[in-house]
Amino acid sequence: MINKWTTAAMGLVVGVLVTFAWQAGLDRNVEPADVQEERRGPHGGRLFRSETVTLEVTIYEEGVPPQFRVFPTTPTGSPLAPGDVQLEIVLERLGGRIDRIPFRPETDYLLGTATVEEPHSFIVKGTATHLGRASTFTYEQIEGRTTIADSALASSGIEVSTAGAGDLIPMLDLPGEVVVPPDRQVRVYAGVSGLLTAVHVKTGQAVRRGDVLATVTSRDVAAAASAYLAAVGRTQFARATRDREEDLAKRRITAMQDFLLADQAYVIAQTELTVARQTLSAFGLDESAIAALAGADPATLSRLPIRATLDGVVTEQTAAAGELVRLESPIVTITDTRQVWVNVQVHARDLAVVRPGRRVTVTSVGPGLTTAGTIASVSPVIGDETRTATARVVVVNTQGRWQPGLFATVAVELERTTASVVVPTEALQTFRDWTVVFVRYGDVFEARPVELGRTDGRRVEILSGLLAGERFASRNAFAVKADVLKSGASHGH
């Protein structure tokens, strides 16, 4: 009766046995095994049966790093001493990596002496020897994989890059404000008391140094011009008198004393002329304008042109034609914004790392402008109220987009370091309880657990799990993760 039921049971088992020869990876074929696999053994593992031995293959990872535990029995299910079986397993991974797992006997199982590294996605090829006969078995374990063709990458927004060395540049974000350098903004004053008879420019108008901005009619200017013309006349007369007396003295017609008196009068006249010219120059008249007074209409002597003192744009008009103005009255403000400063507030604790010469990236708040530059200077004084020092970044602004008053964020580059393998932070994803990148071989992506090192917030160092030269999803890796989850490749063993 026992033999009958035993024979029937074995017949049923044989009926469900399958030859385990799956295709693995992209273009590798799994060799046919001479061991047959049943669905699951008593320990939840894959059960393989040959003529001389039955093996239940498990991966155990409760409280220990993942390890193979293989339970041997006789073909009829009787216990078999682990030391009577010699076993080796080879794992073929994506990309051609080979892991060899040797075994040693334990109480009732064979223990793999090498950790089964994640992901558990590989072709397993085992060779077991018992009673002098070698048997082989093979199966494929798929986990965290999906296939995405090149043609589908662009539509998914997925970018693939090659892993390699790169710089890590920690950044320190500091607040800043765009300001006009003091030497690039001037208020143009009347310079005299009088009537503002005309303003020749408007706010927003570009001007160049020397352009006439306004005209002031002033009695002071008229008096100074008249004094100048009178001094010119006296100087000419005194020079002629001196020259005549010099000639007479040389011919002994007059006394030398007369020549000396004439020469002294000429020197005095020259001094008066110089003073008159300096007075006009103080009003803003240049040499050519002063020289032109000699032939000018007397009615125009009271008119004083107010000229631009630098190239720039009229940013403010503070007086209108018809107003009475004084010497200290501002008429317009001219600003040259072709170069601006970004004043950066640096807390005392950061002064040790924010130094002149540091590279920076300036990003405006609002318009979204970005430019690169360097720290030009750092104030040696810390403000009593703010407890910050001011660092300065010079920004070329020929297009006028960096408007004074804009707030900005200034990212200061700190000490850069180089790492052997660096990936952008957006390449990192969570998968199960791992941090992974998705490596790509052919059309296949696979979740690869990685150990992270240093980071600068934009890039991260990979200490293990990804090798230089391997290709990986560097952008929109989440789409790869979604496709993996949809494919349903599980962590079953």
Protein backbone atom coordinates (compact mmCIF):
# COMPACT_ATOMS: atom_id res chain seq x y z
CA MET A 1 0.00 0.00 0.00
CA ILE A 2 2.85 2.34 0.87
CA ASN A 3 4.62 1.57 -2.40
CA LYS A 4 1.41 2.26 -4.29
CA TRP A 5 0.87 5.72 -2.79
CA THR A 6 4.55 6.52 -3.08
CA THR A 7 4.53 5.58 -6.73
CA ALA A 8 1.41 7.68 -7.34
CA ALA A 9 2.83 10.70 -5.55
CA MET A 10 6.06 10.55 -7.46
CA GLY A 11 4.14 10.27 -10.67
CA LEU A 12 2.21 13.42 -9.77
CA VAL A 13 5.43 15.26 -8.96
CA VAL A 14 7.03 14.17 -12.21
CA GLY A 15 3.96 15.43 -13.98
CA VAL A 16 4.48 18.98 -12.75
CA LEU A 17 8.22 19.11 -13.20
CA VAL A 18 9.49 21.49 -15.88
CA THR A 19 12.89 21.86 -17.42
CA PHE A 20 14.12 25.26 -16.29
CA ALA A 21 15.78 27.03 -19.20
CA TRP A 22 14.71 30.68 -19.44
CA GLN A 23 16.23 33.28 -21.68
CA ALA A 24 18.18 35.83 -19.61
CA GLY A 25 19.02 39.48 -20.18
CA LEU A 26 19.25 40.96 -23.61
CA ASP A 27 21.00 38.44 -25.81
CA ARG A 28 22.21 35.62 -23.52
CA ASN A 29 20.64 32.17 -23.63
CA VAL A 30 20.43 30.04 -20.51
CA GLU A 31 21.84 26.59 -21.08
CA PRO A 32 19.39 23.73 -20.49
CA ALA A 33 19.64 22.28 -16.99
CA ASP A 34 19.74 18.61 -16.13
CA VAL A 35 17.86 19.30 -12.90
CA GLN A 36 14.11 19.72 -12.86
CA GLU A 37 12.35 22.41 -10.80
CA GLU A 38 9.23 22.02 -8.74
CA ARG A 39 7.34 25.15 -7.70
CA ARG A 40 8.34 25.65 -4.02
CA GLY A 41 9.94 23.63 -1.22
CA PRO A 42 9.13 23.48 2.49
CA HIS A 43 11.36 26.51 3.19
CA GLY A 44 9.68 28.58 0.51
CA GLY A 45 12.55 28.19 -1.95
CA ARG A 46 12.85 26.91 -5.49
CA LEU A 47 12.98 23.11 -5.53
CA PHE A 48 15.26 21.33 -8.02
CA ARG A 49 15.37 17.54 -8.37
CA SER A 50 17.93 15.35 -10.11
CA GLU A 51 18.50 11.60 -10.06
CA THR A 52 20.89 11.82 -7.09
CA VAL A 53 19.89 14.91 -5.11
CA THR A 54 17.09 17.38 -4.51
CA LEU A 55 18.03 21.02 -3.74
CA GLU A 56 15.80 23.72 -2.27
CA VAL A 57 17.40 27.09 -3.15
CA THR A 58 16.55 30.09 -0.98
CA ILE A 59 17.92 33.58 -0.42
CA TYR A 60 17.77 34.37 3.28
CA GLU A 61 17.94 38.01 4.44
CA GLU A 62 16.25 38.25 7.83
CA GLY A 63 18.67 40.03 10.17
CA VAL A 64 21.67 39.21 7.97
CA PRO A 65 22.96 40.36 4.58
CA PRO A 66 21.28 38.40 1.79
CA GLN A 67 22.80 34.90 1.51
CA PHE A 68 22.03 31.70 -0.32
CA ARG A 69 20.81 28.81 1.85
CA VAL A 70 20.41 25.55 -0.05
CA PHE A 71 18.76 22.58 1.64
CA PRO A 72 19.81 19.18 0.17
CA THR A 73 17.72 16.00 0.42
CA THR A 74 17.59 12.71 -1.41
CA PRO A 75 15.27 12.44 -4.43
CA THR A 76 12.75 10.76 -2.14
CA GLY A 77 12.87 13.61 0.38
CA SER A 78 15.08 12.01 3.06
CA PRO A 79 17.54 14.29 4.87
CA LEU A 80 20.98 14.52 3.31
CA ALA A 81 24.10 15.68 5.12
CA PRO A 82 25.17 19.07 3.66
CA GLY A 83 28.80 17.96 3.70
CA ASP A 84 27.97 15.23 1.19
CA VAL A 85 27.13 17.81 -1.49
CA GLN A 86 29.55 20.19 -3.19
CA LEU A 87 27.85 23.27 -4.61
CA GLU A 88 28.78 26.42 -6.50
CA ILE A 89 26.42 29.07 -7.87
CA VAL A 90 27.29 31.64 -10.53
CA LEU A 91 25.19 34.81 -10.91
CA GLU A 92 25.18 36.49 -14.32
CA ARG A 93 24.07 40.10 -14.00
CA LEU A 94 23.07 42.82 -16.44
CA GLY A 95 26.13 44.28 -18.13
CA GLY A 96 28.16 41.07 -18.04
CA ARG A 97 29.11 41.08 -14.35
CA ILE A 98 29.69 37.61 -12.87
CA ASP A 99 29.36 36.81 -9.15
CA ARG A 100 30.62 33.44 -7.93
CA ILE A 101 29.11 32.08 -4.73
CA PRO A 102 30.98 29.24 -2.97
CA PHE A 103 29.27 27.22 -0.23
CA ARG A 104 30.10 25.56 3.06
CA PRO A 105 28.01 23.05 5.02
CA GLU A 106 25.96 24.15 8.02
CA THR A 107 23.61 22.10 10.23
CA ASP A 108 21.05 21.14 7.61
CA TYR A 109 21.87 23.38 4.68
CA LEU A 110 24.66 24.71 2.48
CA LEU A 111 25.49 28.38 3.19
CA GLY A 112 26.65 30.73 0.45
CA THR A 113 29.78 32.46 1.79
CA ALA A 114 29.37 35.62 -0.33
CA THR A 115 26.65 38.24 0.07
CA VAL A 116 24.02 38.25 -2.64
CA GLU A 117 24.14 41.92 -3.54
CA GLU A 118 21.07 43.85 -4.54
CA PRO A 119 19.31 43.95 -6.86
CA HIS A 120 18.43 40.28 -6.91
CA SER A 121 18.11 40.38 -10.66
CA PHE A 122 20.28 37.83 -12.42
CA ILE A 123 20.58 34.45 -14.09
CA VAL A 124 21.42 31.74 -11.52
CA LYS A 125 23.55 28.83 -12.68
CA GLY A 126 24.34 26.15 -10.11
CA THR A 127 26.44 22.99 -10.14
CA ALA A 128 25.90 20.37 -7.40
CA THR A 129 28.02 17.23 -7.04
CA HIS A 130 26.79 14.24 -5.02
CA LEU A 131 27.97 10.63 -5.12
CA GLY A 132 30.45 11.61 -7.82
CA ARG A 133 27.77 12.89 -10.20
CA ALA A 134 27.46 16.59 -11.12
CA SER A 135 24.06 18.11 -11.77
CA THR A 136 23.32 21.61 -13.03
CA PHE A 137 20.33 23.85 -12.60
CA THR A 138 19.54 27.34 -13.81
CA TYR A 139 16.82 29.94 -13.43
CA GLU A 140 16.33 33.64 -13.91
CA GLN A 141 15.43 36.10 -11.14
CA ILE A 142 14.11 39.44 -12.45
CA GLU A 143 13.74 42.50 -10.22
CA GLY A 144 13.58 46.26 -10.83
CA ARG A 145 13.85 46.04 -14.61
CA THR A 146 11.97 47.47 -17.53
CA THR A 147 12.56 47.81 -21.24
CA ILE A 148 12.31 51.21 -22.93
CA ALA A 149 13.39 51.58 -26.53
CA ASP A 150 15.43 54.54 -27.76
CA SER A 151 12.44 55.78 -29.71
CA ALA A 152 10.41 56.12 -26.50
CA LEU A 153 13.04 58.00 -24.47
CA ALA A 154 12.42 61.45 -25.96
CA SER A 155 8.65 61.27 -25.61
CA SER A 156 9.09 60.26 -21.96
CA GLY A 157 11.55 63.07 -21.26
CA ILE A 158 14.19 60.55 -20.18
CA GLU A 159 17.82 61.45 -20.75
CA VAL A 160 20.64 58.91 -20.53
CA SER A 161 24.19 59.89 -19.53
CA THR A 162 27.47 58.10 -18.95
CA ALA A 163 28.71 57.95 -15.37
CA GLY A 164 32.10 59.50 -14.74
CA ALA A 165 34.16 61.86 -12.64
CA GLY A 166 32.93 65.35 -11.86
CA ASP A 167 33.32 68.34 -9.61
CA LEU A 168 31.28 68.90 -6.48
CA ILE A 169 30.88 72.58 -5.77
CA PRO A 170 29.10 73.42 -2.51
CA MET A 171 27.14 76.67 -2.81
CA LEU A 172 26.34 79.27 -0.16
CA ASP A 173 23.18 81.26 -0.99
CA LEU A 174 23.24 84.87 0.21
CA PRO A 175 20.82 87.79 -0.30
CA GLY A 176 21.83 90.71 -2.50
CA GLU A 177 20.54 93.90 -4.09
CA VAL A 178 21.38 95.58 -7.38
CA VAL A 179 22.73 99.10 -6.84
CA VAL A 180 24.34 101.83 -8.91
CA PRO A 181 28.05 102.40 -8.24
CA PRO A 182 28.52 105.85 -6.64
CA ASP A 183 30.73 107.05 -9.48
CA ARG A 184 28.10 106.12 -12.07
CA GLN A 185 25.28 108.34 -10.88
CA VAL A 186 25.39 112.14 -10.62
CA ARG A 187 22.99 114.92 -9.87
CA VAL A 188 23.48 117.84 -12.19
CA TYR A 189 23.04 121.18 -10.38
CA ALA A 190 22.28 124.65 -11.68
CA GLY A 191 25.59 125.95 -10.40
CA VAL A 192 24.26 129.54 -10.27
CA SER A 193 21.20 131.44 -9.11
CA GLY A 194 18.88 132.41 -11.90
CA LEU A 195 15.93 131.43 -14.08
CA LEU A 196 15.71 127.96 -15.59
CA THR A 197 14.70 129.00 -19.09
CA ALA A 198 14.78 125.54 -20.77
CA VAL A 199 15.19 121.82 -20.06
CA HIS A 200 16.36 120.02 -23.20
CA VAL A 201 16.07 116.37 -22.05
CA LYS A 202 13.40 114.03 -20.67
CA THR A 203 13.46 111.21 -18.16
CA GLY A 204 14.68 108.01 -19.82
CA GLN A 205 16.65 109.86 -22.50
CA ALA A 206 20.21 108.72 -23.15
CA VAL A 207 22.81 111.46 -23.02
CA ARG A 208 26.54 111.71 -23.50
CA ARG A 209 29.11 113.65 -21.58
CA GLY A 210 29.03 117.30 -22.71
CA ASP A 211 25.43 117.28 -24.02
CA VAL A 212 23.41 120.37 -23.05
CA LEU A 213 20.75 119.37 -20.57
CA ALA A 214 19.25 122.77 -19.66
CA THR A 215 19.79 126.54 -19.90
CA VAL A 216 19.84 128.97 -16.97
CA THR A 217 19.70 132.75 -17.36
CA SER A 218 21.68 134.39 -14.55
CA ARG A 219 22.88 137.87 -13.71
CA ASP A 220 25.86 136.28 -12.01
CA VAL A 221 26.88 134.66 -15.29
CA ALA A 222 26.37 137.94 -17.16
CA ALA A 223 28.53 139.76 -14.61
CA ALA A 224 31.23 137.12 -14.81
CA ALA A 225 31.19 137.18 -18.61
CA SER A 226 31.40 140.98 -18.64
CA ALA A 227 34.27 140.89 -16.15
CA TYR A 228 36.04 138.38 -18.33
CA LEU A 229 35.65 140.47 -21.50
CA ALA A 230 36.84 143.57 -19.64
CA ALA A 231 39.85 141.63 -18.36
CA VAL A 232 40.62 140.51 -21.91
CA GLY A 233 40.58 144.15 -23.06
CA ARG A 234 42.78 145.34 -20.19
CA THR A 235 45.23 142.55 -20.78
CA GLN A 236 45.53 143.36 -24.46
CA PHE A 237 46.04 147.06 -23.69
CA ALA A 238 48.59 146.33 -20.95
CA ARG A 239 50.53 144.01 -23.25
CA ALA A 240 50.66 146.60 -26.02
CA THR A 241 51.82 149.26 -23.53
CA ARG A 242 54.49 146.98 -22.13
CA ASP A 243 55.78 146.09 -25.59
CA ARG A 244 55.99 149.78 -26.55
CA GLU A 245 57.79 150.78 -23.33
CA GLU A 246 60.18 147.89 -23.81
CA ASP A 247 61.06 149.11 -27.30
CA LEU A 248 61.53 152.73 -26.12
CA ALA A 249 63.69 151.63 -23.21
CA LYS A 250 65.92 149.60 -25.52
CA ARG A 251 66.41 152.72 -27.70
CA ARG A 252 67.06 154.80 -24.54
CA ILE A 253 64.20 157.12 -25.38
CA THR A 254 62.41 156.49 -22.06
CA ALA A 255 63.63 155.44 -18.68
CA MET A 256 63.77 151.75 -17.72
CA GLN A 257 61.43 152.53 -14.82
CA ASP A 258 58.61 153.27 -17.24
CA PHE A 259 59.05 149.82 -18.83
CA LEU A 260 59.00 148.10 -15.44
CA LEU A 261 55.78 149.86 -14.47
CA ALA A 262 54.16 148.84 -17.78
CA ASP A 263 55.35 145.22 -17.31
CA GLN A 264 53.87 145.15 -13.80
CA ALA A 265 50.53 146.45 -15.12
CA TYR A 266 50.54 143.67 -17.73
CA VAL A 267 51.14 140.99 -15.07
CA ILE A 268 48.26 142.37 -12.99
CA ALA A 269 45.98 142.36 -16.03
CA GLN A 270 46.91 138.74 -16.77
CA THR A 271 46.07 137.76 -13.19
CA GLU A 272 42.69 139.46 -13.42
CA LEU A 273 42.03 137.65 -16.70
CA THR A 274 42.92 134.30 -15.13
CA VAL A 275 40.56 134.93 -12.21
CA ALA A 276 37.76 135.93 -14.61
CA ARG A 277 38.34 132.79 -16.67
CA GLN A 278 38.30 130.57 -13.54
CA THR A 279 35.02 132.14 -12.45
CA LEU A 280 33.42 131.21 -15.74
CA SER A 281 34.96 127.75 -15.57
CA ALA A 282 33.39 127.29 -12.13
CA PHE A 283 30.01 128.02 -13.73
CA GLY A 284 30.60 125.08 -16.06
CA LEU A 285 31.90 126.81 -19.19
CA ASP A 286 34.74 125.03 -20.93
CA GLU A 287 37.62 126.75 -22.73
CA SER A 288 35.91 126.79 -26.10
CA ALA A 289 32.74 128.33 -24.62
CA ILE A 290 34.78 130.96 -22.79
CA ALA A 291 36.74 131.82 -25.91
CA ALA A 292 33.46 132.18 -27.85
CA LEU A 293 32.30 135.00 -25.52
CA ALA A 294 34.52 137.50 -27.32
CA GLY A 295 32.29 137.46 -30.40
CA ALA A 296 28.98 136.64 -28.68
CA ASP A 297 25.83 138.77 -28.72
CA PRO A 298 25.82 140.72 -25.44
CA ALA A 299 22.20 139.62 -24.91
CA THR A 300 23.35 136.01 -24.60
CA LEU A 301 26.06 136.55 -22.01
CA SER A 302 23.66 135.74 -19.16
CA ARG A 303 22.78 132.31 -20.56
CA LEU A 304 24.50 129.35 -18.98
CA PRO A 305 24.25 125.90 -20.65
CA ILE A 306 24.07 123.05 -18.11
CA ARG A 307 25.96 120.07 -19.54
CA ALA A 308 26.08 116.34 -18.79
CA THR A 309 29.14 115.26 -16.86
CA LEU A 310 29.01 111.56 -17.86
CA ASP A 311 27.39 109.18 -20.33
CA GLY A 312 24.17 107.65 -19.14
CA VAL A 313 20.40 107.94 -18.94
CA VAL A 314 18.34 110.72 -17.38
CA THR A 315 16.70 108.90 -14.49
CA GLU A 316 15.16 111.89 -12.71
CA GLN A 317 14.14 115.47 -13.53
CA THR A 318 13.77 117.66 -10.45
CA ALA A 319 13.23 121.11 -11.98
CA ALA A 320 11.08 122.56 -14.78
CA ALA A 321 11.53 125.46 -17.16
CA GLY A 322 10.38 128.74 -15.64
CA GLU A 323 11.53 127.93 -12.11
CA LEU A 324 13.97 130.05 -10.18
CA VAL A 325 16.97 127.99 -9.25
CA ARG A 326 19.90 128.37 -6.91
CA LEU A 327 23.47 127.22 -7.06
CA GLU A 328 22.61 124.01 -5.10
CA SER A 329 19.37 123.25 -6.99
CA PRO A 330 19.43 119.84 -8.77
CA ILE A 331 17.98 119.83 -12.26
CA VAL A 332 18.37 116.23 -13.46
CA THR A 333 19.97 112.97 -12.34
CA ILE A 334 22.06 110.97 -14.81
CA THR A 335 22.72 107.29 -14.21
CA ASP A 336 25.14 105.07 -16.09
CA THR A 337 23.79 101.51 -15.67
CA ARG A 338 26.13 99.83 -18.14
CA GLN A 339 27.81 98.43 -15.06
CA VAL A 340 26.06 97.80 -11.74
CA TRP A 341 26.97 96.32 -8.40
CA VAL A 342 25.24 93.59 -6.48
CA ASN A 343 25.73 94.26 -2.80
CA VAL A 344 25.72 90.95 -0.93
CA GLN A 345 24.95 90.67 2.77
CA VAL A 346 27.45 88.32 4.40
CA HIS A 347 26.87 87.14 7.96
CA ALA A 348 29.90 87.21 10.25
CA ARG A 349 29.97 83.40 10.42
CA ASP A 350 30.42 83.18 6.62
CA LEU A 351 33.22 85.72 6.26
CA ALA A 352 35.84 82.98 6.49
CA VAL A 353 34.63 81.41 3.21
CA VAL A 354 33.29 84.44 1.31
CA ARG A 355 36.45 86.01 -0.03
CA PRO A 356 37.41 88.18 -3.04
CA GLY A 357 37.83 86.04 -6.13
CA ARG A 358 35.14 83.49 -5.25
CA ARG A 359 33.00 82.56 -8.23
CA VAL A 360 29.30 83.34 -7.88
CA THR A 361 26.03 82.92 -9.73
CA VAL A 362 23.63 85.84 -9.37
CA THR A 363 19.91 85.19 -9.90
CA SER A 364 17.44 88.05 -9.75
CA VAL A 365 14.22 87.79 -7.77
CA GLY A 366 11.38 88.39 -10.22
CA PRO A 367 12.65 88.73 -13.79
CA GLY A 368 14.64 85.49 -13.55
CA LEU A 369 17.93 86.96 -14.76
CA THR A 370 21.09 84.95 -14.16
CA THR A 371 24.73 85.87 -14.59
CA ALA A 372 28.11 84.59 -13.42
CA GLY A 373 30.76 86.68 -11.75
CA THR A 374 33.22 86.89 -8.88
CA ILE A 375 33.39 88.56 -5.48
CA ALA A 376 35.20 91.83 -6.18
CA SER A 377 35.58 92.97 -2.57
CA VAL A 378 34.36 92.36 0.97
CA SER A 379 33.85 95.21 3.39
CA PRO A 380 36.18 95.02 6.40
CA VAL A 381 33.46 96.53 8.61
CA ILE A 382 30.48 94.66 10.09
CA GLY A 383 27.29 96.68 10.51
CA ASP A 384 26.23 97.40 14.09
CA GLU A 385 22.55 96.64 13.44
CA THR A 386 22.65 93.95 10.77
CA ARG A 387 25.82 92.22 11.99
CA THR A 388 26.71 91.61 8.37
CA ALA A 389 29.44 92.76 6.05
CA THR A 390 28.89 93.75 2.43
CA ALA A 391 30.48 91.85 -0.42
CA ARG A 392 30.38 93.32 -3.90
CA VAL A 393 29.84 91.66 -7.28
CA VAL A 394 30.34 93.72 -10.44
CA VAL A 395 27.80 92.96 -13.19
CA VAL A 396 28.14 94.10 -16.79
CA ASN A 397 24.74 95.49 -17.76
CA THR A 398 25.06 96.78 -21.32
CA GLN A 399 21.50 95.68 -22.12
CA GLY A 400 20.11 97.43 -19.05
CA ARG A 401 18.17 94.42 -17.74
CA TRP A 402 19.72 94.50 -14.25
CA GLN A 403 17.75 97.40 -12.88
CA PRO A 404 18.92 99.07 -9.67
CA GLY A 405 16.70 98.06 -6.76
CA LEU A 406 16.24 94.43 -7.88
CA PHE A 407 16.77 91.86 -5.17
CA ALA A 408 18.89 88.83 -6.00
CA THR A 409 20.17 85.54 -4.65
CA VAL A 410 23.94 85.19 -4.87
CA ALA A 411 25.20 81.59 -4.85
CA VAL A 412 28.84 81.61 -3.77
CA GLU A 413 30.99 78.68 -4.89
CA LEU A 414 32.96 77.20 -2.00
CA GLU A 415 35.88 74.78 -2.21
CA ARG A 416 35.35 72.40 -5.13
CA THR A 417 36.36 68.75 -4.95
CA THR A 418 36.48 66.03 -7.58
CA ALA A 419 34.80 62.64 -7.22
CA SER A 420 35.35 59.53 -9.34
CA VAL A 421 31.64 59.02 -10.08
CA VAL A 422 29.13 61.87 -9.90
CA VAL A 423 25.48 61.97 -10.93
CA PRO A 424 22.87 64.75 -10.83
CA THR A 425 20.61 64.55 -7.79
CA GLU A 426 17.57 64.20 -10.04
CA ALA A 427 18.94 60.83 -11.19
CA LEU A 428 18.35 59.40 -7.69
CA GLN A 429 15.11 57.57 -6.96
CA THR A 430 13.76 55.49 -4.10
CA PHE A 431 12.90 51.89 -4.90
CA ARG A 432 11.77 49.60 -2.08
CA ASP A 433 14.03 50.73 0.76
CA TRP A 434 16.95 51.66 -1.49
CA THR A 435 18.27 54.78 -3.10
CA VAL A 436 18.87 53.79 -6.72
CA VAL A 437 19.92 54.98 -10.12
CA PHE A 438 18.55 53.23 -13.19
CA VAL A 439 21.40 51.80 -15.26
CA ARG A 440 20.82 51.00 -18.90
CA TYR A 441 22.21 48.21 -21.05
CA GLY A 442 20.71 48.01 -24.51
CA ASP A 443 17.04 48.84 -24.06
CA VAL A 444 16.90 47.53 -20.49
CA PHE A 445 16.88 49.76 -17.40
CA GLU A 446 17.58 48.23 -13.99
CA ALA A 447 17.31 49.73 -10.50
CA ARG A 448 20.82 49.77 -9.05
CA PRO A 449 21.16 50.49 -5.31
CA VAL A 450 23.92 53.02 -4.69
CA GLU A 451 25.88 54.29 -1.71
CA LEU A 452 26.02 58.07 -1.63
CA GLY A 453 28.92 60.27 -0.64
CA ARG A 454 29.36 64.03 -0.74
CA THR A 455 26.90 66.36 -2.42
CA ASP A 456 26.72 70.02 -3.37
CA GLY A 457 22.94 70.02 -3.68
CA ARG A 458 23.00 69.61 -7.46
CA ARG A 459 25.31 66.63 -7.90
CA VAL A 460 26.12 63.70 -5.64
CA GLU A 461 29.10 61.39 -5.34
CA ILE A 462 28.45 57.66 -5.85
CA LEU A 463 30.68 55.53 -3.63
CA SER A 464 29.42 52.15 -4.82
CA GLY A 465 26.75 50.62 -7.02
CA LEU A 466 27.52 52.55 -10.22
CA LEU A 467 30.77 52.36 -12.16
CA ALA A 468 32.39 54.95 -14.36
CA GLY A 469 31.40 54.27 -17.95
CA GLU A 470 27.98 52.82 -17.14
CA ARG A 471 25.00 54.56 -18.67
CA PHE A 472 22.12 55.68 -16.48
CA ALA A 473 18.91 57.71 -16.53
CA SER A 474 20.12 61.20 -15.63
CA ARG A 475 16.89 63.09 -16.19
CA ASN A 476 13.24 62.20 -15.53
CA ALA A 477 14.34 58.96 -13.88
CA PHE A 478 10.94 58.92 -12.18
CA ALA A 479 9.41 57.88 -15.50
CA VAL A 480 11.72 54.85 -15.54
CA LYS A 481 10.72 54.01 -11.97
CA ALA A 482 7.03 54.24 -12.90
CA ASP A 483 7.59 51.87 -15.79
CA VAL A 484 9.44 49.41 -13.53
CA LEU A 485 6.60 49.43 -11.02
CA LYS A 486 4.11 48.93 -13.81
CA SER A 487 6.04 45.94 -15.13
CA GLY A 488 5.57 44.22 -11.75
CA ALA A 489 9.09 42.74 -11.45
CA SER A 490 9.01 41.68 -7.78
CA HIS A 491 11.49 40.77 -5.08
CA GLY A 492 10.52 37.12 -5.06
CA HIS A 493 13.21 34.49 -4.51
